[in-house]
Amino acid sequence: MAYVYHIDFDIRPGQMSELAIGTSLERILGYLRALLPSQPGHITTRVLRSVDIPDRTHLIVQSMWETWGDLQRHRQSSLAEDKVLTEFQPHVALADLTVHVYEELD
């Protein structure tokens, strides 16, 4: 059974440029997508943004892990998405950061 570590948050339209190539948020998301595959039990990482909310953009970062132990090790590591995103604190309201853990159903 796989486990998903799900982080989501909003950015305002004026912050959309932060998702452009080479900007702070884009670099952090790219950093996660490049380094997480080296972690034991990592299956995949997805980064999604909404396209249907006119007054903001909702971002979702999901990483999938093979076992519960793999997910727990990830959550304690310095590469946990919520820890890495704190580096972007001036632009992301971390009070709005939501973290959920899901178990894949067979």
C-alpha atoms as a PDB file:
ATOM      1  CA  MET A   1       0.000   0.000   0.000  1.00  0.00           C
ATOM      2  CA  ALA A   2       1.272   3.486  -0.823  1.00  0.00           C
ATOM      3  CA  TYR A   3       1.039   6.650   1.286  1.00  0.00           C
ATOM      4  CA  VAL A   4       0.700  10.234   0.062  1.00  0.00           C
ATOM      5  CA  TYR A   5       2.104  13.303   1.805  1.00  0.00           C
ATOM      6  CA  HIS A   6      -0.083  16.182   0.613  1.00  0.00           C
ATOM      7  CA  ILE A   7       0.705  19.886   1.144  1.00  0.00           C
ATOM      8  CA  ASP A   8      -1.448  22.692  -0.208  1.00  0.00           C
ATOM      9  CA  PHE A   9      -1.519  26.485  -0.022  1.00  0.00           C
ATOM     10  CA  ASP A  10      -2.671  29.543  -1.935  1.00  0.00           C
ATOM     11  CA  ILE A  11      -0.826  32.385  -3.618  1.00  0.00           C
ATOM     12  CA  ARG A  12      -2.393  35.608  -4.858  1.00  0.00           C
ATOM     13  CA  PRO A  13      -2.430  36.607  -8.544  1.00  0.00           C
ATOM     14  CA  GLY A  14       0.337  39.153  -7.949  1.00  0.00           C
ATOM     15  CA  GLN A  15       2.592  36.310  -6.805  1.00  0.00           C
ATOM     16  CA  MET A  16       2.109  34.168  -9.935  1.00  0.00           C
ATOM     17  CA  SER A  17       5.423  35.392 -11.284  1.00  0.00           C
ATOM     18  CA  GLU A  18       7.028  33.400  -8.434  1.00  0.00           C
ATOM     19  CA  LEU A  19       6.168  30.234 -10.355  1.00  0.00           C
ATOM     20  CA  ALA A  20       8.127  31.356 -13.424  1.00  0.00           C
ATOM     21  CA  ILE A  21      11.357  29.550 -14.252  1.00  0.00           C
ATOM     22  CA  GLY A  22      14.193  30.699 -12.026  1.00  0.00           C
ATOM     23  CA  THR A  23      12.089  32.375  -9.334  1.00  0.00           C
ATOM     24  CA  SER A  24      12.188  31.436  -5.638  1.00  0.00           C
ATOM     25  CA  LEU A  25       9.109  29.231  -5.438  1.00  0.00           C
ATOM     26  CA  GLU A  26       9.808  27.536  -8.754  1.00  0.00           C
ATOM     27  CA  ARG A  27      13.365  26.745  -7.583  1.00  0.00           C
ATOM     28  CA  ILE A  28      12.117  25.274  -4.300  1.00  0.00           C
ATOM     29  CA  LEU A  29       9.546  23.094  -6.064  1.00  0.00           C
ATOM     30  CA  GLY A  30      12.174  21.975  -8.582  1.00  0.00           C
ATOM     31  CA  TYR A  31      14.586  21.255  -5.725  1.00  0.00           C
ATOM     32  CA  LEU A  32      12.009  18.954  -4.134  1.00  0.00           C
ATOM     33  CA  ARG A  33      11.248  17.166  -7.386  1.00  0.00           C
ATOM     34  CA  ALA A  34      14.965  16.608  -8.010  1.00  0.00           C
ATOM     35  CA  LEU A  35      15.985  15.440  -4.519  1.00  0.00           C
ATOM     36  CA  LEU A  36      13.008  13.443  -3.251  1.00  0.00           C
ATOM     37  CA  PRO A  37      13.606  10.511  -5.649  1.00  0.00           C
ATOM     38  CA  SER A  38      16.860   9.790  -3.788  1.00  0.00           C
ATOM     39  CA  GLN A  39      14.909   9.146  -0.568  1.00  0.00           C
ATOM     40  CA  PRO A  40      14.184   5.510   0.401  1.00  0.00           C
ATOM     41  CA  GLY A  41      10.696   4.433  -0.587  1.00  0.00           C
ATOM     42  CA  HIS A  42       9.910   7.469  -2.749  1.00  0.00           C
ATOM     43  CA  ILE A  43       7.550   6.616  -5.603  1.00  0.00           C
ATOM     44  CA  THR A  44       6.690   9.946  -7.225  1.00  0.00           C
ATOM     45  CA  THR A  45       6.178  13.657  -6.602  1.00  0.00           C
ATOM     46  CA  ARG A  46       3.524  15.840  -8.214  1.00  0.00           C
ATOM     47  CA  VAL A  47       3.143  19.611  -8.120  1.00  0.00           C
ATOM     48  CA  LEU A  48      -0.207  21.000  -9.276  1.00  0.00           C
ATOM     49  CA  ARG A  49      -1.725  24.458  -9.566  1.00  0.00           C
ATOM     50  CA  SER A  50      -5.357  25.437  -9.969  1.00  0.00           C
ATOM     51  CA  VAL A  51      -6.537  27.058 -13.179  1.00  0.00           C
ATOM     52  CA  ASP A  52     -10.158  27.796 -12.265  1.00  0.00           C
ATOM     53  CA  ILE A  53      -9.966  30.108  -9.219  1.00  0.00           C
ATOM     54  CA  PRO A  54      -9.905  33.735 -10.432  1.00  0.00           C
ATOM     55  CA  ASP A  55      -8.701  35.496  -7.254  1.00  0.00           C
ATOM     56  CA  ARG A  56      -5.857  33.141  -6.279  1.00  0.00           C
ATOM     57  CA  THR A  57      -3.885  30.078  -7.301  1.00  0.00           C
ATOM     58  CA  HIS A  58      -4.108  26.958  -5.186  1.00  0.00           C
ATOM     59  CA  LEU A  59      -0.906  24.883  -5.187  1.00  0.00           C
ATOM     60  CA  ILE A  60      -0.665  21.209  -4.254  1.00  0.00           C
ATOM     61  CA  VAL A  61       2.538  19.282  -3.636  1.00  0.00           C
ATOM     62  CA  GLN A  62       2.158  15.524  -3.238  1.00  0.00           C
ATOM     63  CA  SER A  63       4.807  12.916  -2.678  1.00  0.00           C
ATOM     64  CA  MET A  64       4.008   9.199  -2.673  1.00  0.00           C
ATOM     65  CA  TRP A  65       5.838   6.661  -0.487  1.00  0.00           C
ATOM     66  CA  GLU A  66       5.975   2.856  -0.572  1.00  0.00           C
ATOM     67  CA  THR A  67       5.485   2.172   3.154  1.00  0.00           C
ATOM     68  CA  TRP A  68       4.285   3.947   6.287  1.00  0.00           C
ATOM     69  CA  GLY A  69       7.862   3.807   7.610  1.00  0.00           C
ATOM     70  CA  ASP A  70       9.170   5.493   4.445  1.00  0.00           C
ATOM     71  CA  LEU A  71       6.628   8.285   4.860  1.00  0.00           C
ATOM     72  CA  GLN A  72       7.482   8.724   8.554  1.00  0.00           C
ATOM     73  CA  ARG A  73      11.211   8.965   7.750  1.00  0.00           C
ATOM     74  CA  HIS A  74      10.399  11.531   5.068  1.00  0.00           C
ATOM     75  CA  ARG A  75       8.305  13.641   7.466  1.00  0.00           C
ATOM     76  CA  GLN A  76      11.231  13.738   9.900  1.00  0.00           C
ATOM     77  CA  SER A  77      13.796  14.587   7.215  1.00  0.00           C
ATOM     78  CA  SER A  78      14.926  18.054   6.199  1.00  0.00           C
ATOM     79  CA  LEU A  79      13.409  17.359   2.752  1.00  0.00           C
ATOM     80  CA  ALA A  80       9.819  17.216   4.029  1.00  0.00           C
ATOM     81  CA  GLU A  81       7.852  19.552   1.793  1.00  0.00           C
ATOM     82  CA  ASP A  82       6.470  21.679   4.630  1.00  0.00           C
ATOM     83  CA  LYS A  83       9.991  22.202   6.022  1.00  0.00           C
ATOM     84  CA  VAL A  84      11.439  23.123   2.627  1.00  0.00           C
ATOM     85  CA  LEU A  85       8.571  25.510   1.879  1.00  0.00           C
ATOM     86  CA  THR A  86       9.341  27.472   5.044  1.00  0.00           C
ATOM     87  CA  GLU A  87      12.306  28.873   3.118  1.00  0.00           C
ATOM     88  CA  PHE A  88       9.716  30.653   0.993  1.00  0.00           C
ATOM     89  CA  GLN A  89       8.005  32.227   4.007  1.00  0.00           C
ATOM     90  CA  PRO A  90       8.010  35.856   2.829  1.00  0.00           C
ATOM     91  CA  HIS A  91       5.757  34.886  -0.091  1.00  0.00           C
ATOM     92  CA  VAL A  92       3.627  32.012   1.240  1.00  0.00           C
ATOM     93  CA  ALA A  93       1.362  32.498   4.249  1.00  0.00           C
ATOM     94  CA  LEU A  94       2.473  29.427   6.150  1.00  0.00           C
ATOM     95  CA  ALA A  95      -0.548  29.723   8.428  1.00  0.00           C
ATOM     96  CA  ASP A  96      -2.511  28.698   5.311  1.00  0.00           C
ATOM     97  CA  LEU A  97      -0.261  25.708   4.628  1.00  0.00           C
ATOM     98  CA  THR A  98      -2.276  22.504   5.009  1.00  0.00           C
ATOM     99  CA  VAL A  99      -0.716  19.065   5.460  1.00  0.00           C
ATOM    100  CA  HIS A 100      -2.601  15.778   5.046  1.00  0.00           C
ATOM    101  CA  VAL A 101      -1.490  12.164   4.839  1.00  0.00           C
ATOM    102  CA  TYR A 102      -3.432   9.680   2.738  1.00  0.00           C
ATOM    103  CA  GLU A 103      -3.347   5.926   2.365  1.00  0.00           C
ATOM    104  CA  GLU A 104      -3.960   4.477  -1.065  1.00  0.00           C
ATOM    105  CA  LEU A 105      -6.878   2.040  -1.203  1.00  0.00           C
ATOM    106  CA  ASP A 106      -6.508  -1.303  -2.930  1.00  0.00           C
END
